[in-house]
Amino acid sequence: MVANIKRLIEQVAKEKDLPERVVEYALKNAIAIAIKKDKRIRDALDIEFTHEGIRVYVVKKKGRRKDKLPLEISTEDVNRIAAFAAKEEFLSELERAERERGFLEYKELEGEVVTGIVRKVLEGGDLLVDLGKVEAVLPRREQIPGERYQAGDRVKALLLDVKKLKGEPRLILSRTHPLFLQRLLETEIPEVAEKDIEVKATARVPGERAKVAVHAQDMKMDPVGIVVGLRGSRIQPISSELCGEKIDVIRWTEDEEEFIRRSLSPAQPTAMRIIPDEERVEVAVPKDQLSLAIGKRGINVKLAHKLTGWHIDVMSEEDFEKLSELRQQEEESG
């Protein structure tokens, strides 16, 4: 983090008796507001303080996913606007922070794992969870199928959404979101927490099965072996937290064809035809591996699709060959 920004945050936190993370959140918010005004940007902005300076990202929502794209803005512009924001917008943001201390503390934890106590099971199966300073709701739809809770139980979940409803904080939890699995990996596995190993993608059918793609910058490292642990010792506690969800860990690669091949594990594809225009791929597997590749109720191929982003048509080697011949005949006759 830039040294003078860090000092500012520490100083203001002490003066206002606020946690440093709340002051940092208020400052980032002030800078984001000032940049949006100056550049007339409507999208949400994400601000990061690094040793190199202030980085600005545009946040685009794609369903339940959030993509961050670097904003094309000069360092001089960022510094100018940030200096203005620190004087003008920051004061109003701090006042708001003081009024809404509890809300902002949890807003800053959005996307992280929290632990609380079930206070009440509401009608319909939603849970009212006490997080300490505030209460949150774990909706039935965000619970893993089959799990049951009663008042007094401890529950760990992803803080999925923090917003205001009629002026009051409303916190929504989730145990089914793919990000919950990613955060558990970051919490439980030191090499992931320290970013020696990166979780590139996750896909889940909650309570049943999940796939995780991992990557290590150091080619000498075995990211799959490290994440799984000796005889599954590292991945098993995470699986247990997710009600026995079976977690396949695969090695990520930039080679899309190879990544698709690995995503269908434990099946071993023998041939592949990528159709880029349709974002679709046809995959051949030995006949005796067809049900393995597709998975029970189509789960394996569904997870492979979520993990890679490709629509995957799995077929036997014989059907793949017949389809190839048919296409060749069509091309020759056309």
C-alpha atoms as a PDB file:
ATOM      1  CA  MET A   1       0.000   0.000   0.000  1.00  0.00           C
ATOM      2  CA  VAL A   2       1.223   3.534  -0.685  1.00  0.00           C
ATOM      3  CA  ALA A   3       2.951   4.739   2.506  1.00  0.00           C
ATOM      4  CA  ASN A   4       1.154   8.088   2.850  1.00  0.00           C
ATOM      5  CA  ILE A   5      -2.254   6.456   2.323  1.00  0.00           C
ATOM      6  CA  LYS A   6      -1.458   3.900   5.024  1.00  0.00           C
ATOM      7  CA  ARG A   7      -0.452   6.676   7.432  1.00  0.00           C
ATOM      8  CA  LEU A   8      -3.641   8.596   6.642  1.00  0.00           C
ATOM      9  CA  ILE A   9      -5.794   5.554   7.352  1.00  0.00           C
ATOM     10  CA  GLU A  10      -3.993   4.821  10.628  1.00  0.00           C
ATOM     11  CA  GLN A  11      -4.278   8.453  11.764  1.00  0.00           C
ATOM     12  CA  VAL A  12      -7.984   8.829  10.925  1.00  0.00           C
ATOM     13  CA  ALA A  13      -8.840   5.435  12.451  1.00  0.00           C
ATOM     14  CA  LYS A  14      -7.218   6.515  15.707  1.00  0.00           C
ATOM     15  CA  GLU A  15      -8.873   9.948  15.748  1.00  0.00           C
ATOM     16  CA  LYS A  16     -12.350   8.630  14.906  1.00  0.00           C
ATOM     17  CA  ASP A  17     -12.036   5.398  16.947  1.00  0.00           C
ATOM     18  CA  LEU A  18     -12.923   3.340  13.884  1.00  0.00           C
ATOM     19  CA  PRO A  19     -11.362   0.086  12.663  1.00  0.00           C
ATOM     20  CA  GLU A  20      -8.681   0.740  10.026  1.00  0.00           C
ATOM     21  CA  ARG A  21     -10.499  -1.470   7.510  1.00  0.00           C
ATOM     22  CA  VAL A  22     -13.631   0.694   7.825  1.00  0.00           C
ATOM     23  CA  VAL A  23     -11.594   3.863   7.240  1.00  0.00           C
ATOM     24  CA  GLU A  24      -9.855   2.198   4.280  1.00  0.00           C
ATOM     25  CA  TYR A  25     -13.245   1.194   2.855  1.00  0.00           C
ATOM     26  CA  ALA A  26     -14.528   4.784   3.266  1.00  0.00           C
ATOM     27  CA  LEU A  27     -11.444   6.195   1.518  1.00  0.00           C
ATOM     28  CA  LYS A  28     -11.728   3.708  -1.354  1.00  0.00           C
ATOM     29  CA  ASN A  29     -15.404   4.559  -1.678  1.00  0.00           C
ATOM     30  CA  ALA A  30     -14.618   8.290  -1.706  1.00  0.00           C
ATOM     31  CA  ILE A  31     -12.017   7.818  -4.449  1.00  0.00           C
ATOM     32  CA  ALA A  32     -14.437   5.659  -6.473  1.00  0.00           C
ATOM     33  CA  ILE A  33     -17.199   8.295  -6.170  1.00  0.00           C
ATOM     34  CA  ALA A  34     -14.789  11.076  -7.230  1.00  0.00           C
ATOM     35  CA  ILE A  35     -13.504   9.127 -10.249  1.00  0.00           C
ATOM     36  CA  LYS A  36     -17.052   8.258 -11.326  1.00  0.00           C
ATOM     37  CA  LYS A  37     -18.021  11.936 -11.162  1.00  0.00           C
ATOM     38  CA  ASP A  38     -14.881  13.128 -12.932  1.00  0.00           C
ATOM     39  CA  LYS A  39     -15.013  10.507 -15.708  1.00  0.00           C
ATOM     40  CA  ARG A  40     -18.821  10.190 -15.839  1.00  0.00           C
ATOM     41  CA  ILE A  41     -18.710   6.451 -15.247  1.00  0.00           C
ATOM     42  CA  ARG A  42     -21.885   4.590 -14.297  1.00  0.00           C
ATOM     43  CA  ASP A  43     -20.416   1.158 -13.554  1.00  0.00           C
ATOM     44  CA  ALA A  44     -19.231   0.215 -10.075  1.00  0.00           C
ATOM     45  CA  LEU A  45     -15.528   0.763  -9.434  1.00  0.00           C
ATOM     46  CA  ASP A  46     -13.151  -1.236  -7.274  1.00  0.00           C
ATOM     47  CA  ILE A  47     -10.142   0.557  -5.779  1.00  0.00           C
ATOM     48  CA  GLU A  48      -6.966  -1.220  -4.677  1.00  0.00           C
ATOM     49  CA  PHE A  49      -4.042   0.288  -2.749  1.00  0.00           C
ATOM     50  CA  THR A  50      -0.746  -1.352  -3.727  1.00  0.00           C
ATOM     51  CA  HIS A  51       2.953  -0.622  -3.230  1.00  0.00           C
ATOM     52  CA  GLU A  52       3.006   0.724  -6.807  1.00  0.00           C
ATOM     53  CA  GLY A  53       0.076   3.090  -6.288  1.00  0.00           C
ATOM     54  CA  ILE A  54      -3.710   3.195  -6.628  1.00  0.00           C
ATOM     55  CA  ARG A  55      -5.291   0.724  -9.033  1.00  0.00           C
ATOM     56  CA  VAL A  56      -8.802   1.218 -10.392  1.00  0.00           C
ATOM     57  CA  TYR A  57     -11.038  -1.527 -11.803  1.00  0.00           C
ATOM     58  CA  VAL A  58     -14.461  -1.446 -13.438  1.00  0.00           C
ATOM     59  CA  VAL A  59     -16.732  -4.115 -11.932  1.00  0.00           C
ATOM     60  CA  LYS A  60     -19.008  -5.928 -14.393  1.00  0.00           C
ATOM     61  CA  LYS A  61     -21.657  -8.320 -13.107  1.00  0.00           C
ATOM     62  CA  LYS A  62     -22.266 -11.549 -15.036  1.00  0.00           C
ATOM     63  CA  GLY A  63     -25.007 -13.412 -13.226  1.00  0.00           C
ATOM     64  CA  ARG A  64     -23.599 -14.285  -9.817  1.00  0.00           C
ATOM     65  CA  ARG A  65     -20.064 -13.551 -10.971  1.00  0.00           C
ATOM     66  CA  LYS A  66     -18.209 -10.242 -10.821  1.00  0.00           C
ATOM     67  CA  ASP A  67     -15.470  -9.515 -13.359  1.00  0.00           C
ATOM     68  CA  LYS A  68     -12.914  -6.787 -12.684  1.00  0.00           C
ATOM     69  CA  LEU A  69     -11.458  -4.945 -15.678  1.00  0.00           C
ATOM     70  CA  PRO A  70      -8.608  -2.408 -15.303  1.00  0.00           C
ATOM     71  CA  LEU A  71      -9.798   1.148 -15.959  1.00  0.00           C
ATOM     72  CA  GLU A  72      -7.774   3.041 -18.550  1.00  0.00           C
ATOM     73  CA  ILE A  73      -6.783   6.084 -16.506  1.00  0.00           C
ATOM     74  CA  SER A  74      -3.396   7.731 -16.085  1.00  0.00           C
ATOM     75  CA  THR A  75      -1.491   7.678 -12.796  1.00  0.00           C
ATOM     76  CA  GLU A  76      -1.543  11.489 -12.757  1.00  0.00           C
ATOM     77  CA  ASP A  77      -5.326  11.521 -13.118  1.00  0.00           C
ATOM     78  CA  VAL A  78      -5.788   8.961 -10.335  1.00  0.00           C
ATOM     79  CA  ASN A  79      -3.519  10.876  -7.973  1.00  0.00           C
ATOM     80  CA  ARG A  80      -5.228  14.200  -8.753  1.00  0.00           C
ATOM     81  CA  ILE A  81      -8.721  12.808  -8.211  1.00  0.00           C
ATOM     82  CA  ALA A  82      -7.642  10.817  -5.122  1.00  0.00           C
ATOM     83  CA  ALA A  83      -6.151  13.945  -3.537  1.00  0.00           C
ATOM     84  CA  PHE A  84      -9.422  15.810  -4.136  1.00  0.00           C
ATOM     85  CA  ALA A  85     -11.460  12.883  -2.829  1.00  0.00           C
ATOM     86  CA  ALA A  86      -9.360  12.636   0.332  1.00  0.00           C
ATOM     87  CA  LYS A  87     -10.251  16.268   1.128  1.00  0.00           C
ATOM     88  CA  GLU A  88     -13.872  16.448  -0.027  1.00  0.00           C
ATOM     89  CA  GLU A  89     -15.663  13.113  -0.446  1.00  0.00           C
ATOM     90  CA  PHE A  90     -13.724  11.389   2.327  1.00  0.00           C
ATOM     91  CA  LEU A  91     -15.211  13.589   5.063  1.00  0.00           C
ATOM     92  CA  SER A  92     -18.790  12.725   4.123  1.00  0.00           C
ATOM     93  CA  GLU A  93     -17.863   9.059   3.726  1.00  0.00           C
ATOM     94  CA  LEU A  94     -16.345   9.063   7.208  1.00  0.00           C
ATOM     95  CA  GLU A  95     -19.457  10.638   8.698  1.00  0.00           C
ATOM     96  CA  ARG A  96     -21.481   7.909   7.039  1.00  0.00           C
ATOM     97  CA  ALA A  97     -19.032   5.310   8.331  1.00  0.00           C
ATOM     98  CA  GLU A  98     -19.488   6.556  11.889  1.00  0.00           C
ATOM     99  CA  ARG A  99     -23.279   6.392  11.531  1.00  0.00           C
ATOM    100  CA  GLU A 100     -23.230   2.988   9.900  1.00  0.00           C
ATOM    101  CA  ARG A 101     -20.209   1.384  11.549  1.00  0.00           C
ATOM    102  CA  GLY A 102     -21.708  -2.100  11.843  1.00  0.00           C
ATOM    103  CA  PHE A 103     -23.099  -2.110   8.315  1.00  0.00           C
ATOM    104  CA  LEU A 104     -19.841  -0.924   6.741  1.00  0.00           C
ATOM    105  CA  GLU A 105     -17.746  -3.411   8.689  1.00  0.00           C
ATOM    106  CA  TYR A 106     -19.790  -6.241   7.236  1.00  0.00           C
ATOM    107  CA  LYS A 107     -20.051  -4.611   3.798  1.00  0.00           C
ATOM    108  CA  GLU A 108     -16.271  -4.737   3.718  1.00  0.00           C
ATOM    109  CA  LEU A 109     -16.454  -8.485   4.495  1.00  0.00           C
ATOM    110  CA  GLU A 110     -18.795  -9.189   1.558  1.00  0.00           C
ATOM    111  CA  GLY A 111     -17.465 -12.211  -0.324  1.00  0.00           C
ATOM    112  CA  GLU A 112     -15.652 -13.596   2.740  1.00  0.00           C
ATOM    113  CA  VAL A 113     -16.450 -16.518   5.053  1.00  0.00           C
ATOM    114  CA  VAL A 114     -18.158 -15.734   8.369  1.00  0.00           C
ATOM    115  CA  THR A 115     -19.242 -17.912  11.299  1.00  0.00           C
ATOM    116  CA  GLY A 116     -22.334 -17.398  13.401  1.00  0.00           C
ATOM    117  CA  ILE A 117     -24.925 -19.021  15.650  1.00  0.00           C
ATOM    118  CA  VAL A 118     -28.366 -20.060  14.403  1.00  0.00           C
ATOM    119  CA  ARG A 119     -30.866 -18.070  16.467  1.00  0.00           C
ATOM    120  CA  LYS A 120     -34.058 -19.151  14.769  1.00  0.00           C
ATOM    121  CA  VAL A 121     -35.319 -21.445  12.016  1.00  0.00           C
ATOM    122  CA  LEU A 122     -37.847 -19.344  10.111  1.00  0.00           C
ATOM    123  CA  GLU A 123     -40.942 -20.575   8.318  1.00  0.00           C
ATOM    124  CA  GLY A 124     -39.901 -22.074   4.993  1.00  0.00           C
ATOM    125  CA  GLY A 125     -36.510 -23.168   6.300  1.00  0.00           C
ATOM    126  CA  ASP A 126     -34.591 -19.859   6.206  1.00  0.00           C
ATOM    127  CA  LEU A 127     -32.163 -19.418   9.112  1.00  0.00           C
ATOM    128  CA  LEU A 128     -31.659 -16.314  11.234  1.00  0.00           C
ATOM    129  CA  VAL A 129     -27.942 -16.277  12.075  1.00  0.00           C
ATOM    130  CA  ASP A 130     -26.281 -14.156  14.775  1.00  0.00           C
ATOM    131  CA  LEU A 131     -22.884 -12.892  13.553  1.00  0.00           C
ATOM    132  CA  GLY A 132     -22.149 -10.949  16.735  1.00  0.00           C
ATOM    133  CA  LYS A 133     -22.897  -7.317  15.897  1.00  0.00           C
ATOM    134  CA  VAL A 134     -25.645  -8.006  13.361  1.00  0.00           C
ATOM    135  CA  GLU A 135     -27.976 -10.785  12.257  1.00  0.00           C
ATOM    136  CA  ALA A 136     -27.922 -12.395   8.823  1.00  0.00           C
ATOM    137  CA  VAL A 137     -30.246 -14.682   6.885  1.00  0.00           C
ATOM    138  CA  LEU A 138     -29.195 -17.996   5.359  1.00  0.00           C
ATOM    139  CA  PRO A 139     -32.058 -18.634   2.897  1.00  0.00           C
ATOM    140  CA  ARG A 140     -33.184 -22.210   2.298  1.00  0.00           C
ATOM    141  CA  ARG A 141     -32.099 -21.912  -1.360  1.00  0.00           C
ATOM    142  CA  GLU A 142     -28.546 -21.078  -0.219  1.00  0.00           C
ATOM    143  CA  GLN A 143     -28.311 -24.128   2.068  1.00  0.00           C
ATOM    144  CA  ILE A 144     -26.772 -27.388   0.912  1.00  0.00           C
ATOM    145  CA  PRO A 145     -29.557 -29.886   0.117  1.00  0.00           C
ATOM    146  CA  GLY A 146     -30.097 -32.305   2.990  1.00  0.00           C
ATOM    147  CA  GLU A 147     -28.409 -30.291   5.738  1.00  0.00           C
ATOM    148  CA  ARG A 148     -30.495 -29.480   8.793  1.00  0.00           C
ATOM    149  CA  TYR A 149     -29.996 -26.870  11.504  1.00  0.00           C
ATOM    150  CA  GLN A 150     -31.583 -25.968  14.806  1.00  0.00           C
ATOM    151  CA  ALA A 151     -31.269 -23.017  17.165  1.00  0.00           C
ATOM    152  CA  GLY A 152     -27.833 -22.923  18.825  1.00  0.00           C
ATOM    153  CA  ASP A 153     -25.956 -24.598  15.968  1.00  0.00           C
ATOM    154  CA  ARG A 154     -22.778 -22.956  14.657  1.00  0.00           C
ATOM    155  CA  VAL A 155     -22.803 -22.304  10.921  1.00  0.00           C
ATOM    156  CA  LYS A 156     -20.063 -21.247   8.534  1.00  0.00           C
ATOM    157  CA  ALA A 157     -21.061 -19.536   5.281  1.00  0.00           C
ATOM    158  CA  LEU A 158     -20.112 -17.040   2.608  1.00  0.00           C
ATOM    159  CA  LEU A 159     -21.280 -13.474   3.255  1.00  0.00           C
ATOM    160  CA  LEU A 160     -22.906 -13.254  -0.151  1.00  0.00           C
ATOM    161  CA  ASP A 161     -24.673  -9.904  -0.094  1.00  0.00           C
ATOM    162  CA  VAL A 162     -24.777  -6.903   2.232  1.00  0.00           C
ATOM    163  CA  LYS A 163     -27.369  -4.253   1.446  1.00  0.00           C
ATOM    164  CA  LYS A 164     -29.925  -2.000   3.051  1.00  0.00           C
ATOM    165  CA  LEU A 165     -33.613  -2.721   3.113  1.00  0.00           C
ATOM    166  CA  LYS A 166     -35.823   0.144   4.341  1.00  0.00           C
ATOM    167  CA  GLY A 167     -32.768   1.706   5.957  1.00  0.00           C
ATOM    168  CA  GLU A 168     -31.795  -1.447   7.865  1.00  0.00           C
ATOM    169  CA  PRO A 169     -28.796  -3.701   7.065  1.00  0.00           C
ATOM    170  CA  ARG A 170     -29.728  -6.973   5.391  1.00  0.00           C
ATOM    171  CA  LEU A 171     -27.033  -9.633   5.193  1.00  0.00           C
ATOM    172  CA  ILE A 172     -27.500 -12.716   3.031  1.00  0.00           C
ATOM    173  CA  LEU A 173     -25.385 -15.843   3.541  1.00  0.00           C
ATOM    174  CA  SER A 174     -24.703 -18.742   1.187  1.00  0.00           C
ATOM    175  CA  ARG A 175     -23.267 -22.243   1.521  1.00  0.00           C
ATOM    176  CA  THR A 176     -23.961 -23.201  -2.101  1.00  0.00           C
ATOM    177  CA  HIS A 177     -22.047 -20.485  -3.984  1.00  0.00           C
ATOM    178  CA  PRO A 178     -18.822 -21.615  -5.775  1.00  0.00           C
ATOM    179  CA  LEU A 179     -16.970 -18.754  -4.057  1.00  0.00           C
ATOM    180  CA  PHE A 180     -17.660 -20.415  -0.675  1.00  0.00           C
ATOM    181  CA  LEU A 181     -15.584 -23.400  -1.773  1.00  0.00           C
ATOM    182  CA  GLN A 182     -12.812 -21.121  -3.035  1.00  0.00           C
ATOM    183  CA  ARG A 183     -12.711 -19.207   0.259  1.00  0.00           C
ATOM    184  CA  LEU A 184     -12.560 -22.472   2.235  1.00  0.00           C
ATOM    185  CA  LEU A 185      -9.560 -23.523   0.150  1.00  0.00           C
ATOM    186  CA  GLU A 186      -7.907 -20.156   0.842  1.00  0.00           C
ATOM    187  CA  THR A 187      -8.610 -20.544   4.570  1.00  0.00           C
ATOM    188  CA  GLU A 188      -7.575 -24.169   5.009  1.00  0.00           C
ATOM    189  CA  ILE A 189      -4.600 -24.519   2.652  1.00  0.00           C
ATOM    190  CA  PRO A 190      -1.593 -22.274   3.416  1.00  0.00           C
ATOM    191  CA  GLU A 191      -0.172 -22.403  -0.119  1.00  0.00           C
ATOM    192  CA  VAL A 192      -3.498 -21.097  -1.481  1.00  0.00           C
ATOM    193  CA  ALA A 193      -3.714 -18.430   1.233  1.00  0.00           C
ATOM    194  CA  GLU A 194      -0.160 -17.306   0.424  1.00  0.00           C
ATOM    195  CA  LYS A 195      -0.978 -17.312  -3.332  1.00  0.00           C
ATOM    196  CA  ASP A 196       1.708 -19.865  -4.188  1.00  0.00           C
ATOM    197  CA  ILE A 197      -1.221 -21.788  -5.636  1.00  0.00           C
ATOM    198  CA  GLU A 198      -4.068 -19.975  -7.406  1.00  0.00           C
ATOM    199  CA  VAL A 199      -7.633 -21.236  -7.619  1.00  0.00           C
ATOM    200  CA  LYS A 200      -8.462 -20.512 -11.269  1.00  0.00           C
ATOM    201  CA  ALA A 201     -12.047 -21.799 -11.387  1.00  0.00           C
ATOM    202  CA  THR A 202     -14.625 -23.607  -9.267  1.00  0.00           C
ATOM    203  CA  ALA A 203     -17.879 -25.360 -10.130  1.00  0.00           C
ATOM    204  CA  ARG A 204     -20.343 -27.040  -7.793  1.00  0.00           C
ATOM    205  CA  VAL A 205     -23.453 -29.126  -7.558  1.00  0.00           C
ATOM    206  CA  PRO A 206     -23.867 -28.368  -3.840  1.00  0.00           C
ATOM    207  CA  GLY A 207     -23.652 -31.346  -1.517  1.00  0.00           C
ATOM    208  CA  GLU A 208     -22.866 -33.759  -4.325  1.00  0.00           C
ATOM    209  CA  ARG A 209     -19.790 -32.878  -6.314  1.00  0.00           C
ATOM    210  CA  ALA A 210     -17.441 -30.045  -7.207  1.00  0.00           C
ATOM    211  CA  LYS A 211     -14.500 -29.396  -9.499  1.00  0.00           C
ATOM    212  CA  VAL A 212     -11.638 -27.024  -8.752  1.00  0.00           C
ATOM    213  CA  ALA A 213      -8.925 -25.926 -11.200  1.00  0.00           C
ATOM    214  CA  VAL A 214      -5.647 -24.924  -9.547  1.00  0.00           C
ATOM    215  CA  HIS A 215      -2.397 -23.480 -10.853  1.00  0.00           C
ATOM    216  CA  ALA A 216       1.100 -22.921  -9.442  1.00  0.00           C
ATOM    217  CA  GLN A 217       3.461 -20.323 -10.896  1.00  0.00           C
ATOM    218  CA  ASP A 218       6.379 -22.518  -9.822  1.00  0.00           C
ATOM    219  CA  MET A 219       6.383 -25.372 -12.324  1.00  0.00           C
ATOM    220  CA  LYS A 220       8.192 -27.584  -9.801  1.00  0.00           C
ATOM    221  CA  MET A 221       5.154 -27.509  -7.523  1.00  0.00           C
ATOM    222  CA  ASP A 222       2.353 -30.056  -7.806  1.00  0.00           C
ATOM    223  CA  PRO A 223      -0.720 -27.894  -7.067  1.00  0.00           C
ATOM    224  CA  VAL A 224      -3.146 -30.831  -7.189  1.00  0.00           C
ATOM    225  CA  GLY A 225      -1.105 -32.933  -4.749  1.00  0.00           C
ATOM    226  CA  ILE A 226      -0.637 -29.995  -2.384  1.00  0.00           C
ATOM    227  CA  VAL A 227      -4.347 -29.087  -2.338  1.00  0.00           C
ATOM    228  CA  VAL A 228      -5.542 -32.693  -1.969  1.00  0.00           C
ATOM    229  CA  GLY A 229      -2.887 -33.601   0.625  1.00  0.00           C
ATOM    230  CA  LEU A 230      -1.532 -37.007   1.572  1.00  0.00           C
ATOM    231  CA  ARG A 231      -4.384 -39.505   1.145  1.00  0.00           C
ATOM    232  CA  GLY A 232      -6.824 -36.587   0.874  1.00  0.00           C
ATOM    233  CA  SER A 233      -5.909 -35.173   4.296  1.00  0.00           C
ATOM    234  CA  ARG A 234      -6.283 -31.535   3.194  1.00  0.00           C
ATOM    235  CA  ILE A 235      -9.326 -31.714   0.938  1.00  0.00           C
ATOM    236  CA  GLN A 236     -11.304 -34.063   3.219  1.00  0.00           C
ATOM    237  CA  PRO A 237     -12.083 -31.490   5.958  1.00  0.00           C
ATOM    238  CA  ILE A 238     -13.380 -29.110   3.274  1.00  0.00           C
ATOM    239  CA  SER A 239     -15.505 -31.897   1.805  1.00  0.00           C
ATOM    240  CA  SER A 240     -16.882 -32.620   5.291  1.00  0.00           C
ATOM    241  CA  GLU A 241     -17.762 -28.920   5.784  1.00  0.00           C
ATOM    242  CA  LEU A 242     -19.761 -29.179   2.536  1.00  0.00           C
ATOM    243  CA  CYS A 243     -21.776 -32.212   3.724  1.00  0.00           C
ATOM    244  CA  GLY A 244     -19.549 -34.771   2.012  1.00  0.00           C
ATOM    245  CA  GLU A 245     -19.396 -32.978  -1.353  1.00  0.00           C
ATOM    246  CA  LYS A 246     -16.870 -34.875  -3.498  1.00  0.00           C
ATOM    247  CA  ILE A 247     -14.228 -32.429  -4.740  1.00  0.00           C
ATOM    248  CA  ASP A 248     -12.235 -33.152  -7.913  1.00  0.00           C
ATOM    249  CA  VAL A 249      -9.040 -31.088  -8.047  1.00  0.00           C
ATOM    250  CA  ILE A 250      -7.502 -30.666 -11.503  1.00  0.00           C
ATOM    251  CA  ARG A 251      -4.498 -28.806 -12.822  1.00  0.00           C
ATOM    252  CA  TRP A 252      -5.372 -25.689 -14.809  1.00  0.00           C
ATOM    253  CA  THR A 253      -3.750 -25.023 -18.175  1.00  0.00           C
ATOM    254  CA  GLU A 254      -4.005 -22.286 -20.824  1.00  0.00           C
ATOM    255  CA  ASP A 255      -4.381 -25.029 -23.436  1.00  0.00           C
ATOM    256  CA  GLU A 256      -8.190 -25.078 -23.764  1.00  0.00           C
ATOM    257  CA  GLU A 257      -8.346 -28.533 -25.348  1.00  0.00           C
ATOM    258  CA  GLU A 258      -6.214 -30.032 -22.584  1.00  0.00           C
ATOM    259  CA  PHE A 259      -8.200 -28.166 -19.916  1.00  0.00           C
ATOM    260  CA  ILE A 260     -11.467 -29.579 -21.272  1.00  0.00           C
ATOM    261  CA  ARG A 261      -9.880 -33.035 -21.306  1.00  0.00           C
ATOM    262  CA  ARG A 262      -8.823 -32.718 -17.665  1.00  0.00           C
ATOM    263  CA  SER A 263     -12.202 -31.273 -16.639  1.00  0.00           C
ATOM    264  CA  LEU A 264     -13.923 -34.536 -17.614  1.00  0.00           C
ATOM    265  CA  SER A 265     -11.807 -36.539 -15.166  1.00  0.00           C
ATOM    266  CA  PRO A 266     -12.022 -39.359 -14.134  1.00  0.00           C
ATOM    267  CA  ALA A 267     -12.998 -40.168 -17.760  1.00  0.00           C
ATOM    268  CA  GLN A 268     -10.169 -40.146 -20.314  1.00  0.00           C
ATOM    269  CA  PRO A 269     -11.224 -38.574 -23.661  1.00  0.00           C
ATOM    270  CA  THR A 270      -9.519 -40.019 -26.719  1.00  0.00           C
ATOM    271  CA  ALA A 271     -10.546 -37.444 -29.345  1.00  0.00           C
ATOM    272  CA  MET A 272     -11.959 -33.939 -29.438  1.00  0.00           C
ATOM    273  CA  ARG A 273     -13.442 -31.533 -31.950  1.00  0.00           C
ATOM    274  CA  ILE A 274     -13.723 -27.858 -30.962  1.00  0.00           C
ATOM    275  CA  ILE A 275     -16.377 -25.722 -32.649  1.00  0.00           C
ATOM    276  CA  PRO A 276     -15.387 -22.153 -31.624  1.00  0.00           C
ATOM    277  CA  ASP A 277     -18.316 -20.351 -33.287  1.00  0.00           C
ATOM    278  CA  GLU A 278     -20.771 -22.305 -31.126  1.00  0.00           C
ATOM    279  CA  GLU A 279     -18.531 -22.357 -28.014  1.00  0.00           C
ATOM    280  CA  ARG A 280     -19.054 -26.087 -28.148  1.00  0.00           C
ATOM    281  CA  VAL A 281     -16.793 -29.114 -28.148  1.00  0.00           C
ATOM    282  CA  GLU A 282     -17.487 -32.722 -29.124  1.00  0.00           C
ATOM    283  CA  VAL A 283     -15.602 -35.282 -27.079  1.00  0.00           C
ATOM    284  CA  ALA A 284     -15.060 -38.974 -27.690  1.00  0.00           C
ATOM    285  CA  VAL A 285     -14.521 -41.449 -24.867  1.00  0.00           C
ATOM    286  CA  PRO A 286     -14.291 -45.257 -24.828  1.00  0.00           C
ATOM    287  CA  LYS A 287     -17.749 -46.814 -24.701  1.00  0.00           C
ATOM    288  CA  ASP A 288     -17.163 -48.233 -21.228  1.00  0.00           C
ATOM    289  CA  GLN A 289     -16.333 -44.703 -19.958  1.00  0.00           C
ATOM    290  CA  LEU A 290     -19.384 -42.965 -21.404  1.00  0.00           C
ATOM    291  CA  SER A 291     -21.447 -43.038 -18.193  1.00  0.00           C
ATOM    292  CA  LEU A 292     -18.344 -41.998 -16.216  1.00  0.00           C
ATOM    293  CA  ALA A 293     -17.768 -38.972 -18.467  1.00  0.00           C
ATOM    294  CA  ILE A 294     -21.405 -37.874 -18.310  1.00  0.00           C
ATOM    295  CA  GLY A 295     -21.788 -38.689 -14.625  1.00  0.00           C
ATOM    296  CA  LYS A 296     -24.828 -39.481 -12.534  1.00  0.00           C
ATOM    297  CA  ARG A 297     -27.710 -37.268 -13.734  1.00  0.00           C
ATOM    298  CA  GLY A 298     -25.191 -35.553 -16.043  1.00  0.00           C
ATOM    299  CA  ILE A 299     -23.275 -33.998 -13.113  1.00  0.00           C
ATOM    300  CA  ASN A 300     -19.734 -34.633 -14.410  1.00  0.00           C
ATOM    301  CA  VAL A 301     -20.284 -33.041 -17.820  1.00  0.00           C
ATOM    302  CA  LYS A 302     -22.333 -30.219 -16.253  1.00  0.00           C
ATOM    303  CA  LEU A 303     -19.456 -29.350 -13.888  1.00  0.00           C
ATOM    304  CA  ALA A 304     -16.947 -29.567 -16.739  1.00  0.00           C
ATOM    305  CA  HIS A 305     -19.084 -27.051 -18.666  1.00  0.00           C
ATOM    306  CA  LYS A 306     -19.236 -24.660 -15.690  1.00  0.00           C
ATOM    307  CA  LEU A 307     -15.503 -24.985 -15.099  1.00  0.00           C
ATOM    308  CA  THR A 308     -14.358 -24.438 -18.699  1.00  0.00           C
ATOM    309  CA  GLY A 309     -17.180 -22.316 -20.138  1.00  0.00           C
ATOM    310  CA  TRP A 310     -17.556 -24.724 -23.089  1.00  0.00           C
ATOM    311  CA  HIS A 311     -20.702 -26.681 -23.939  1.00  0.00           C
ATOM    312  CA  ILE A 312     -19.499 -30.292 -24.038  1.00  0.00           C
ATOM    313  CA  ASP A 313     -21.134 -33.046 -26.080  1.00  0.00           C
ATOM    314  CA  VAL A 314     -19.807 -36.401 -24.879  1.00  0.00           C
ATOM    315  CA  MET A 315     -20.172 -39.434 -27.120  1.00  0.00           C
ATOM    316  CA  SER A 316     -18.667 -42.862 -27.679  1.00  0.00           C
ATOM    317  CA  GLU A 317     -15.671 -43.244 -29.978  1.00  0.00           C
ATOM    318  CA  GLU A 318     -17.903 -45.065 -32.479  1.00  0.00           C
ATOM    319  CA  ASP A 319     -20.473 -42.241 -32.604  1.00  0.00           C
ATOM    320  CA  PHE A 320     -17.697 -39.646 -32.800  1.00  0.00           C
ATOM    321  CA  GLU A 321     -16.213 -41.450 -35.809  1.00  0.00           C
ATOM    322  CA  LYS A 322     -19.613 -41.778 -37.512  1.00  0.00           C
ATOM    323  CA  LEU A 323     -20.274 -38.073 -37.014  1.00  0.00           C
ATOM    324  CA  SER A 324     -16.842 -37.257 -38.443  1.00  0.00           C
ATOM    325  CA  GLU A 325     -17.514 -39.364 -41.532  1.00  0.00           C
ATOM    326  CA  LEU A 326     -20.945 -37.786 -41.993  1.00  0.00           C
ATOM    327  CA  ARG A 327     -19.460 -34.286 -41.821  1.00  0.00           C
ATOM    328  CA  GLN A 328     -16.759 -35.216 -44.298  1.00  0.00           C
ATOM    329  CA  GLN A 329     -19.356 -36.538 -46.748  1.00  0.00           C
ATOM    330  CA  GLU A 330     -21.385 -33.327 -46.397  1.00  0.00           C
ATOM    331  CA  GLU A 331     -18.271 -31.243 -47.115  1.00  0.00           C
ATOM    332  CA  GLU A 332     -17.387 -33.333 -50.181  1.00  0.00           C
ATOM    333  CA  SER A 333     -20.940 -33.194 -51.563  1.00  0.00           C
ATOM    334  CA  GLY A 334     -21.233 -29.472 -50.809  1.00  0.00           C
END
